[in-house]
N, C-alpha and C. Protein backbone atom coordinates (compact mmCIF):
# COMPACT_ATOMS: atom_id res chain seq x y z
N MET A 1 0.83 -1.20 0.00
CA MET A 1 0.00 0.00 0.00
C MET A 1 0.87 1.25 0.00
N VAL A 2 1.88 1.26 0.89
CA VAL A 2 2.76 2.42 0.99
C VAL A 2 3.54 2.60 -0.31
N CYS A 3 4.00 1.48 -0.89
CA CYS A 3 4.74 1.56 -2.15
C CYS A 3 3.84 2.05 -3.28
N GLY A 4 2.58 1.65 -3.28
CA GLY A 4 1.64 2.13 -4.29
C GLY A 4 1.43 3.62 -4.20
N ILE A 5 1.27 4.11 -2.98
CA ILE A 5 1.10 5.56 -2.77
C ILE A 5 2.36 6.30 -3.19
N ALA A 6 3.53 5.76 -2.84
CA ALA A 6 4.79 6.40 -3.21
C ALA A 6 4.93 6.46 -4.73
N GLY A 7 4.56 5.38 -5.41
CA GLY A 7 4.63 5.36 -6.88
C GLY A 7 3.74 6.42 -7.50
N VAL A 8 2.52 6.56 -7.00
CA VAL A 8 1.59 7.57 -7.52
C VAL A 8 2.12 8.98 -7.25
N VAL A 9 2.63 9.21 -6.04
CA VAL A 9 3.16 10.54 -5.69
C VAL A 9 4.34 10.90 -6.59
N ILE A 10 5.25 9.96 -6.82
CA ILE A 10 6.41 10.24 -7.67
C ILE A 10 5.96 10.46 -9.11
N PHE A 11 4.98 9.69 -9.59
CA PHE A 11 4.46 9.87 -10.95
C PHE A 11 3.87 11.27 -11.12
N VAL A 12 3.00 11.66 -10.21
CA VAL A 12 2.36 12.99 -10.30
C VAL A 12 3.40 14.10 -10.18
N GLY A 13 4.35 13.93 -9.26
CA GLY A 13 5.41 14.92 -9.11
C GLY A 13 6.24 15.05 -10.37
N GLY A 14 6.57 13.93 -11.00
CA GLY A 14 7.33 13.96 -12.25
C GLY A 14 6.56 14.63 -13.36
N LEU A 15 5.26 14.38 -13.42
CA LEU A 15 4.41 14.98 -14.44
C LEU A 15 4.34 16.50 -14.26
N VAL A 16 4.09 16.95 -13.04
CA VAL A 16 4.01 18.39 -12.76
C VAL A 16 5.35 19.06 -13.02
N ASN A 17 6.43 18.41 -12.60
CA ASN A 17 7.77 18.98 -12.80
C ASN A 17 8.09 19.08 -14.29
N SER A 18 7.72 18.07 -15.07
CA SER A 18 7.97 18.09 -16.51
C SER A 18 7.24 19.25 -17.17
N VAL A 19 5.99 19.45 -16.80
CA VAL A 19 5.20 20.53 -17.39
C VAL A 19 5.78 21.89 -17.03
N SER A 20 6.16 22.07 -15.76
CA SER A 20 6.68 23.38 -15.36
C SER A 20 8.05 23.64 -15.99
N GLU A 21 8.82 22.60 -16.27
CA GLU A 21 10.11 22.77 -16.93
C GLU A 21 9.95 23.22 -18.39
N LEU A 22 8.85 22.83 -19.02
CA LEU A 22 8.62 23.19 -20.42
C LEU A 22 8.11 24.61 -20.58
N ALA A 23 7.40 25.10 -19.59
CA ALA A 23 6.73 26.40 -19.69
C ALA A 23 7.72 27.51 -20.04
N PRO A 24 7.27 28.47 -20.83
CA PRO A 24 8.14 29.59 -21.19
C PRO A 24 8.67 30.32 -19.96
N LYS A 25 9.97 30.49 -19.93
CA LYS A 25 10.62 31.21 -18.83
C LYS A 25 10.72 32.70 -19.17
N LYS A 26 10.89 33.00 -20.45
CA LYS A 26 10.96 34.38 -20.91
C LYS A 26 9.72 34.66 -21.74
N THR A 27 8.96 35.66 -21.35
CA THR A 27 7.77 36.04 -22.12
C THR A 27 7.93 37.48 -22.59
N PHE A 28 7.22 37.79 -23.67
CA PHE A 28 7.32 39.13 -24.22
C PHE A 28 6.06 39.46 -25.01
N ALA A 29 5.84 40.75 -25.22
CA ALA A 29 4.65 41.24 -25.92
C ALA A 29 4.92 41.32 -27.43
N PRO A 30 3.86 41.38 -28.22
CA PRO A 30 4.04 41.54 -29.66
C PRO A 30 4.84 42.80 -29.98
N GLY A 31 5.78 42.68 -30.90
CA GLY A 31 6.60 43.81 -31.30
C GLY A 31 7.82 44.01 -30.43
N GLU A 32 7.84 43.39 -29.27
CA GLU A 32 8.98 43.52 -28.35
C GLU A 32 10.08 42.55 -28.80
N SER A 33 11.31 43.00 -28.74
CA SER A 33 12.45 42.16 -29.12
C SER A 33 13.15 41.71 -27.85
N ILE A 34 13.41 40.41 -27.75
CA ILE A 34 14.14 39.90 -26.58
C ILE A 34 15.45 39.27 -27.05
N THR A 35 16.43 39.33 -26.17
CA THR A 35 17.71 38.68 -26.43
C THR A 35 17.78 37.46 -25.53
N LEU A 36 18.11 36.33 -26.15
CA LEU A 36 18.21 35.11 -25.37
C LEU A 36 19.43 34.31 -25.81
N THR A 37 20.00 33.59 -24.87
CA THR A 37 21.11 32.70 -25.18
C THR A 37 20.51 31.36 -25.58
N VAL A 38 20.85 30.93 -26.79
CA VAL A 38 20.29 29.70 -27.32
C VAL A 38 21.41 28.69 -27.54
N ASP A 39 21.18 27.49 -27.04
CA ASP A 39 22.11 26.38 -27.25
C ASP A 39 21.38 25.39 -28.17
N PRO A 40 21.99 24.98 -29.27
CA PRO A 40 21.31 24.05 -30.18
C PRO A 40 20.90 22.74 -29.50
N ALA A 41 21.63 22.33 -28.47
CA ALA A 41 21.29 21.09 -27.76
C ALA A 41 19.96 21.20 -27.03
N ASP A 42 19.58 22.41 -26.61
CA ASP A 42 18.33 22.60 -25.88
C ASP A 42 17.11 22.59 -26.78
N LYS A 43 17.29 22.90 -28.05
CA LYS A 43 16.19 22.97 -29.03
C LYS A 43 14.99 23.74 -28.48
N PRO A 44 15.18 25.02 -28.14
CA PRO A 44 14.07 25.79 -27.54
C PRO A 44 12.90 25.97 -28.51
N ALA A 45 11.75 26.26 -27.92
CA ALA A 45 10.52 26.44 -28.70
C ALA A 45 9.90 27.79 -28.39
N VAL A 46 9.17 28.32 -29.36
CA VAL A 46 8.44 29.57 -29.20
C VAL A 46 6.98 29.22 -28.97
N TYR A 47 6.40 29.83 -27.94
CA TYR A 47 5.00 29.59 -27.57
C TYR A 47 4.21 30.88 -27.71
N ILE A 48 2.90 30.72 -27.86
CA ILE A 48 1.99 31.87 -27.90
C ILE A 48 0.83 31.58 -26.95
N ALA A 49 0.42 32.61 -26.23
CA ALA A 49 -0.77 32.54 -25.38
C ALA A 49 -1.68 33.66 -25.85
N ASN A 50 -2.86 33.30 -26.35
CA ASN A 50 -3.77 34.30 -26.88
C ASN A 50 -5.22 33.92 -26.63
N ASP A 51 -6.06 34.95 -26.58
CA ASP A 51 -7.49 34.73 -26.36
C ASP A 51 -8.23 34.38 -27.64
N THR A 52 -7.76 34.94 -28.76
CA THR A 52 -8.38 34.71 -30.05
C THR A 52 -7.30 34.34 -31.06
N PRO A 53 -7.67 33.63 -32.13
CA PRO A 53 -6.67 33.28 -33.14
C PRO A 53 -6.05 34.55 -33.76
N VAL A 54 -4.75 34.51 -33.97
CA VAL A 54 -4.04 35.64 -34.58
C VAL A 54 -3.10 35.13 -35.65
N THR A 55 -2.76 36.02 -36.55
CA THR A 55 -1.75 35.74 -37.57
C THR A 55 -0.45 36.34 -37.06
N TYR A 56 0.52 35.49 -36.78
CA TYR A 56 1.77 35.95 -36.19
C TYR A 56 2.92 35.82 -37.18
N GLU A 57 3.98 36.55 -36.89
CA GLU A 57 5.22 36.44 -37.66
C GLU A 57 6.37 36.65 -36.68
N CYS A 58 7.32 35.74 -36.70
CA CYS A 58 8.48 35.84 -35.81
C CYS A 58 9.76 35.84 -36.63
N GLN A 59 10.74 36.57 -36.12
CA GLN A 59 12.04 36.64 -36.77
C GLN A 59 13.12 36.48 -35.71
N ILE A 60 14.21 35.82 -36.11
CA ILE A 60 15.34 35.63 -35.21
C ILE A 60 16.61 36.05 -35.94
N SER A 61 17.51 36.71 -35.21
CA SER A 61 18.77 37.15 -35.80
C SER A 61 19.85 37.12 -34.73
N GLY A 62 21.08 37.33 -35.17
CA GLY A 62 22.21 37.37 -34.25
C GLY A 62 22.95 36.06 -34.21
N GLY A 63 23.74 35.89 -33.17
CA GLY A 63 24.53 34.68 -33.02
C GLY A 63 25.65 34.61 -34.04
N SER A 64 26.26 33.44 -34.13
CA SER A 64 27.40 33.29 -35.02
C SER A 64 27.04 32.63 -36.35
N GLY A 65 25.79 32.36 -36.57
CA GLY A 65 25.40 31.71 -37.81
C GLY A 65 23.96 32.00 -38.15
N GLN A 66 23.47 31.32 -39.16
CA GLN A 66 22.11 31.52 -39.64
C GLN A 66 21.11 30.77 -38.76
N ALA A 67 20.39 31.51 -37.94
CA ALA A 67 19.35 30.91 -37.10
C ALA A 67 18.06 30.80 -37.91
N LYS A 68 17.28 29.75 -37.62
CA LYS A 68 16.04 29.54 -38.35
C LYS A 68 14.92 29.20 -37.38
N LEU A 69 13.72 29.55 -37.76
CA LEU A 69 12.51 29.19 -37.02
C LEU A 69 11.73 28.21 -37.87
N ALA A 70 11.34 27.09 -37.28
CA ALA A 70 10.58 26.08 -38.01
C ALA A 70 9.23 25.90 -37.34
N LYS A 71 8.19 25.80 -38.16
CA LYS A 71 6.83 25.61 -37.63
C LYS A 71 6.72 24.25 -36.95
N THR A 72 5.92 24.22 -35.90
CA THR A 72 5.64 23.00 -35.17
C THR A 72 4.55 22.23 -35.89
N ALA A 73 4.75 20.94 -36.05
CA ALA A 73 3.73 20.11 -36.70
C ALA A 73 2.55 19.90 -35.75
N GLY A 74 1.36 20.07 -36.23
CA GLY A 74 0.17 19.85 -35.42
C GLY A 74 -0.01 20.94 -34.38
N SER A 75 -0.92 20.68 -33.45
CA SER A 75 -1.21 21.63 -32.38
C SER A 75 -0.75 21.02 -31.06
N GLN A 76 0.20 21.67 -30.42
CA GLN A 76 0.72 21.19 -29.15
C GLN A 76 0.54 22.28 -28.11
N THR A 77 -0.26 21.99 -27.08
CA THR A 77 -0.53 22.99 -26.06
C THR A 77 -0.06 22.53 -24.70
N LEU A 78 0.15 23.52 -23.85
CA LEU A 78 0.65 23.31 -22.50
C LEU A 78 -0.09 24.28 -21.60
N THR A 79 -0.73 23.79 -20.54
CA THR A 79 -1.46 24.65 -19.63
C THR A 79 -0.68 24.79 -18.33
N VAL A 80 -0.38 26.04 -17.98
CA VAL A 80 0.33 26.34 -16.74
C VAL A 80 -0.53 27.34 -15.98
N GLY A 81 -1.10 26.89 -14.86
CA GLY A 81 -2.04 27.74 -14.14
C GLY A 81 -3.28 27.94 -14.99
N SER A 82 -3.59 29.20 -15.27
CA SER A 82 -4.75 29.49 -16.11
C SER A 82 -4.34 29.89 -17.53
N VAL A 83 -3.04 29.81 -17.84
CA VAL A 83 -2.54 30.22 -19.15
C VAL A 83 -2.32 28.99 -20.03
N VAL A 84 -2.90 29.04 -21.23
CA VAL A 84 -2.71 27.98 -22.21
C VAL A 84 -1.69 28.46 -23.23
N TRP A 85 -0.54 27.80 -23.28
CA TRP A 85 0.52 28.10 -24.22
C TRP A 85 0.45 27.11 -25.37
N GLU A 86 0.54 27.63 -26.58
CA GLU A 86 0.59 26.76 -27.76
C GLU A 86 1.97 26.86 -28.38
N GLN A 87 2.62 25.72 -28.57
CA GLN A 87 3.93 25.72 -29.21
C GLN A 87 3.73 25.98 -30.69
N ILE A 88 4.38 27.05 -31.20
CA ILE A 88 4.18 27.41 -32.60
C ILE A 88 5.43 27.24 -33.45
N LEU A 89 6.61 27.37 -32.84
CA LEU A 89 7.86 27.29 -33.58
C LEU A 89 8.94 26.61 -32.74
N VAL A 90 9.93 26.05 -33.42
CA VAL A 90 11.14 25.60 -32.75
C VAL A 90 12.29 26.44 -33.30
N ILE A 91 13.26 26.71 -32.44
CA ILE A 91 14.40 27.54 -32.83
C ILE A 91 15.57 26.62 -33.17
N ASN A 92 16.06 26.75 -34.39
CA ASN A 92 17.23 25.98 -34.83
C ASN A 92 18.38 26.94 -35.04
N VAL A 93 19.47 26.74 -34.28
CA VAL A 93 20.65 27.59 -34.41
C VAL A 93 21.87 26.71 -34.64
N PRO A 94 22.86 27.20 -35.39
CA PRO A 94 24.05 26.39 -35.66
C PRO A 94 25.02 26.31 -34.48
N ALA A 95 25.03 27.33 -33.63
CA ALA A 95 25.97 27.37 -32.51
C ALA A 95 25.36 28.14 -31.35
N LYS A 96 25.88 27.85 -30.17
CA LYS A 96 25.42 28.55 -28.97
C LYS A 96 25.79 30.02 -29.08
N GLY A 97 24.84 30.88 -28.71
CA GLY A 97 25.10 32.31 -28.77
C GLY A 97 23.89 33.12 -28.38
N ALA A 98 24.07 34.45 -28.44
CA ALA A 98 22.98 35.38 -28.13
C ALA A 98 22.22 35.70 -29.41
N TYR A 99 20.91 35.54 -29.35
CA TYR A 99 20.05 35.79 -30.52
C TYR A 99 18.93 36.74 -30.11
N GLN A 100 18.45 37.52 -31.07
CA GLN A 100 17.32 38.42 -30.84
C GLN A 100 16.09 37.82 -31.52
N LEU A 101 15.01 37.75 -30.76
CA LEU A 101 13.76 37.19 -31.26
C LEU A 101 12.67 38.25 -31.15
N THR A 102 11.93 38.43 -32.24
CA THR A 102 10.81 39.37 -32.27
C THR A 102 9.62 38.68 -32.91
N CYS A 103 8.45 38.81 -32.28
CA CYS A 103 7.22 38.27 -32.84
C CYS A 103 6.18 39.38 -32.90
N THR A 104 5.44 39.41 -33.97
CA THR A 104 4.37 40.40 -34.13
C THR A 104 3.10 39.69 -34.60
N ASN A 105 1.98 40.36 -34.45
CA ASN A 105 0.72 39.85 -34.98
C ASN A 105 -0.08 41.03 -35.53
N GLN A 106 -0.90 40.75 -36.53
CA GLN A 106 -1.67 41.79 -37.21
C GLN A 106 -2.86 42.25 -36.38
N GLU A 107 -3.49 41.33 -35.68
CA GLU A 107 -4.69 41.63 -34.92
C GLU A 107 -4.36 42.35 -33.62
N THR A 108 -5.31 43.15 -33.16
CA THR A 108 -5.15 43.75 -31.83
C THR A 108 -5.88 42.83 -30.85
N ALA A 109 -5.11 42.02 -30.17
CA ALA A 109 -5.66 41.04 -29.24
C ALA A 109 -4.68 40.89 -28.08
N THR A 110 -5.16 40.29 -27.00
CA THR A 110 -4.29 40.03 -25.87
C THR A 110 -3.43 38.82 -26.21
N VAL A 111 -2.15 39.09 -26.47
CA VAL A 111 -1.23 38.04 -26.90
C VAL A 111 0.07 38.16 -26.11
N ARG A 112 0.61 37.01 -25.71
CA ARG A 112 1.95 36.94 -25.10
C ARG A 112 2.72 35.87 -25.85
N TYR A 113 3.97 36.12 -26.07
CA TYR A 113 4.87 35.13 -26.66
C TYR A 113 5.84 34.69 -25.57
N GLY A 114 6.37 33.51 -25.72
CA GLY A 114 7.32 33.01 -24.74
C GLY A 114 8.27 32.00 -25.34
N VAL A 115 9.39 31.80 -24.68
CA VAL A 115 10.38 30.82 -25.13
C VAL A 115 10.58 29.81 -24.00
N GLY A 116 10.42 28.54 -24.34
CA GLY A 116 10.59 27.46 -23.38
C GLY A 116 11.15 26.24 -24.07
N LYS A 117 11.03 25.11 -23.43
CA LYS A 117 11.51 23.86 -24.01
C LYS A 117 10.40 23.26 -24.86
N PRO A 118 10.77 22.48 -25.89
CA PRO A 118 9.74 21.84 -26.71
C PRO A 118 9.02 20.74 -25.94
N LEU A 119 7.79 20.46 -26.32
CA LEU A 119 7.00 19.45 -25.62
C LEU A 119 7.63 18.06 -25.73
N THR A 120 8.39 17.83 -26.78
CA THR A 120 9.03 16.51 -26.94
C THR A 120 10.06 16.25 -25.87
N SER A 121 10.59 17.28 -25.23
CA SER A 121 11.61 17.07 -24.20
C SER A 121 11.00 16.57 -22.88
N ALA A 122 9.69 16.54 -22.78
CA ALA A 122 9.04 16.05 -21.56
C ALA A 122 9.01 14.53 -21.51
N ALA A 123 9.36 13.89 -22.60
CA ALA A 123 9.26 12.43 -22.67
C ALA A 123 10.07 11.75 -21.57
N GLY A 124 11.26 12.23 -21.27
CA GLY A 124 12.10 11.61 -20.23
C GLY A 124 11.43 11.66 -18.88
N GLY A 125 10.88 12.79 -18.50
CA GLY A 125 10.21 12.92 -17.21
C GLY A 125 8.98 12.05 -17.12
N LEU A 126 8.25 11.95 -18.21
CA LEU A 126 7.05 11.12 -18.22
C LEU A 126 7.40 9.64 -18.15
N VAL A 127 8.46 9.23 -18.85
CA VAL A 127 8.88 7.83 -18.81
C VAL A 127 9.35 7.47 -17.41
N GLY A 128 10.14 8.36 -16.79
CA GLY A 128 10.61 8.11 -15.42
C GLY A 128 9.46 8.04 -14.43
N GLY A 129 8.52 8.96 -14.56
CA GLY A 129 7.36 8.96 -13.67
C GLY A 129 6.51 7.71 -13.85
N THR A 130 6.32 7.30 -15.10
CA THR A 130 5.54 6.10 -15.36
C THR A 130 6.25 4.86 -14.83
N ALA A 131 7.57 4.83 -14.99
CA ALA A 131 8.34 3.70 -14.44
C ALA A 131 8.17 3.64 -12.92
N ALA A 132 8.23 4.80 -12.27
CA ALA A 132 8.06 4.83 -10.81
C ALA A 132 6.66 4.37 -10.42
N LEU A 133 5.68 4.72 -11.23
CA LEU A 133 4.29 4.34 -10.95
C LEU A 133 4.14 2.82 -10.88
N PHE A 134 4.90 2.10 -11.71
CA PHE A 134 4.77 0.65 -11.73
C PHE A 134 5.88 -0.08 -10.98
N LEU A 135 7.11 0.44 -11.03
CA LEU A 135 8.23 -0.27 -10.43
C LEU A 135 8.23 -0.23 -8.90
N ILE A 136 7.90 0.91 -8.32
CA ILE A 136 7.91 1.00 -6.86
C ILE A 136 6.86 0.08 -6.23
N PRO A 137 5.60 0.13 -6.69
CA PRO A 137 4.63 -0.83 -6.13
C PRO A 137 5.02 -2.28 -6.43
N GLY A 138 5.58 -2.53 -7.62
CA GLY A 138 6.02 -3.88 -7.97
C GLY A 138 7.11 -4.37 -7.04
N ALA A 139 8.07 -3.48 -6.74
CA ALA A 139 9.15 -3.85 -5.81
C ALA A 139 8.59 -4.12 -4.42
N GLY A 140 7.63 -3.32 -3.98
CA GLY A 140 7.00 -3.54 -2.68
C GLY A 140 6.29 -4.89 -2.64
N LEU A 141 5.62 -5.25 -3.72
CA LEU A 141 4.93 -6.54 -3.80
C LEU A 141 5.93 -7.69 -3.73
N LEU A 142 7.04 -7.57 -4.46
CA LEU A 142 8.06 -8.62 -4.44
C LEU A 142 8.68 -8.77 -3.05
N VAL A 143 8.95 -7.68 -2.36
CA VAL A 143 9.49 -7.74 -1.00
C VAL A 143 8.48 -8.41 -0.07
N GLY A 144 7.21 -8.09 -0.23
CA GLY A 144 6.17 -8.71 0.59
C GLY A 144 6.07 -10.21 0.34
N ILE A 145 6.15 -10.62 -0.92
CA ILE A 145 6.08 -12.05 -1.26
C ILE A 145 7.31 -12.77 -0.70
N ALA A 146 8.49 -12.19 -0.89
CA ALA A 146 9.72 -12.81 -0.40
C ALA A 146 9.68 -12.94 1.12
N GLY A 147 9.21 -11.91 1.80
CA GLY A 147 9.09 -11.97 3.26
C GLY A 147 8.14 -13.06 3.71
N THR A 148 7.03 -13.20 3.02
CA THR A 148 6.05 -14.24 3.34
C THR A 148 6.65 -15.63 3.14
N VAL A 149 7.38 -15.84 2.06
CA VAL A 149 8.00 -17.13 1.78
C VAL A 149 9.02 -17.47 2.87
N VAL A 150 9.83 -16.49 3.26
CA VAL A 150 10.84 -16.73 4.30
C VAL A 150 10.16 -17.10 5.63
N ILE A 151 9.13 -16.39 6.00
CA ILE A 151 8.41 -16.67 7.25
C ILE A 151 7.79 -18.06 7.21
N LEU A 152 7.16 -18.42 6.10
CA LEU A 152 6.54 -19.75 5.99
C LEU A 152 7.58 -20.86 6.05
N MET A 153 8.73 -20.64 5.43
CA MET A 153 9.79 -21.66 5.47
C MET A 153 10.34 -21.82 6.89
N ARG A 154 10.51 -20.73 7.60
CA ARG A 154 11.02 -20.82 8.98
C ARG A 154 10.00 -21.49 9.90
N ARG A 155 8.74 -21.18 9.68
CA ARG A 155 7.70 -21.83 10.50
C ARG A 155 7.70 -23.33 10.26
N GLY A 156 7.84 -23.71 9.00
CA GLY A 156 7.88 -25.14 8.66
C GLY A 156 9.06 -25.83 9.32
N SER A 157 10.22 -25.18 9.29
CA SER A 157 11.42 -25.77 9.94
C SER A 157 11.22 -25.87 11.43
N ALA A 158 10.63 -24.87 12.03
CA ALA A 158 10.40 -24.86 13.48
C ALA A 158 9.43 -25.97 13.86
N ARG A 159 8.40 -26.19 13.08
CA ARG A 159 7.43 -27.25 13.37
C ARG A 159 8.09 -28.63 13.28
N LYS A 160 8.95 -28.78 12.28
CA LYS A 160 9.62 -30.08 12.13
C LYS A 160 10.54 -30.34 13.33
N ARG A 161 11.25 -29.33 13.81
CA ARG A 161 12.13 -29.48 14.97
C ARG A 161 11.32 -29.84 16.20
N LEU A 162 10.18 -29.19 16.38
CA LEU A 162 9.34 -29.48 17.54
C LEU A 162 8.80 -30.90 17.47
N ALA A 163 8.44 -31.36 16.27
CA ALA A 163 7.90 -32.72 16.10
C ALA A 163 8.94 -33.76 16.37
N VAL A 164 10.18 -33.52 15.93
CA VAL A 164 11.27 -34.48 16.12
C VAL A 164 11.70 -34.48 17.58
N GLY A 165 11.78 -33.32 18.20
CA GLY A 165 12.25 -33.22 19.58
C GLY A 165 11.17 -33.56 20.59
N GLY A 166 9.91 -33.55 20.21
CA GLY A 166 8.83 -33.68 21.16
C GLY A 166 8.45 -35.02 21.46
């Protein structure tokens, strides 16, 4: 029972931690330019939080090479608190460096842009949490079974000794 509860707690904790790690750490308004240090190994993503659909355009410049923005396939969303972030772009850079990112939209709407980790990077946290969900209770069950077998074997030996000596 305790191992089952521990497995569920670790799973939920891993899930919450994975989501919060993905959430945009740097946010900015339309037309605002931000400077960020981008490492190609991190594969950062651009997110948008908006009340209504908008037509956006983002540009990236700087660094030591040609940085590119690639559209995200499908619709990938992330909810943090009451804010729904939609991953719209991934940032591809040739080398680690400082880059300037600017996003604009044509419509006048409440819009925030942000840079965070791509949703695909959450896979490790989810796999670990899922493993904990099953492995910890499984290990507890195996320890319980092994303990029961040991106790039953000792009882059997004790009964045989009493029968022979009695």
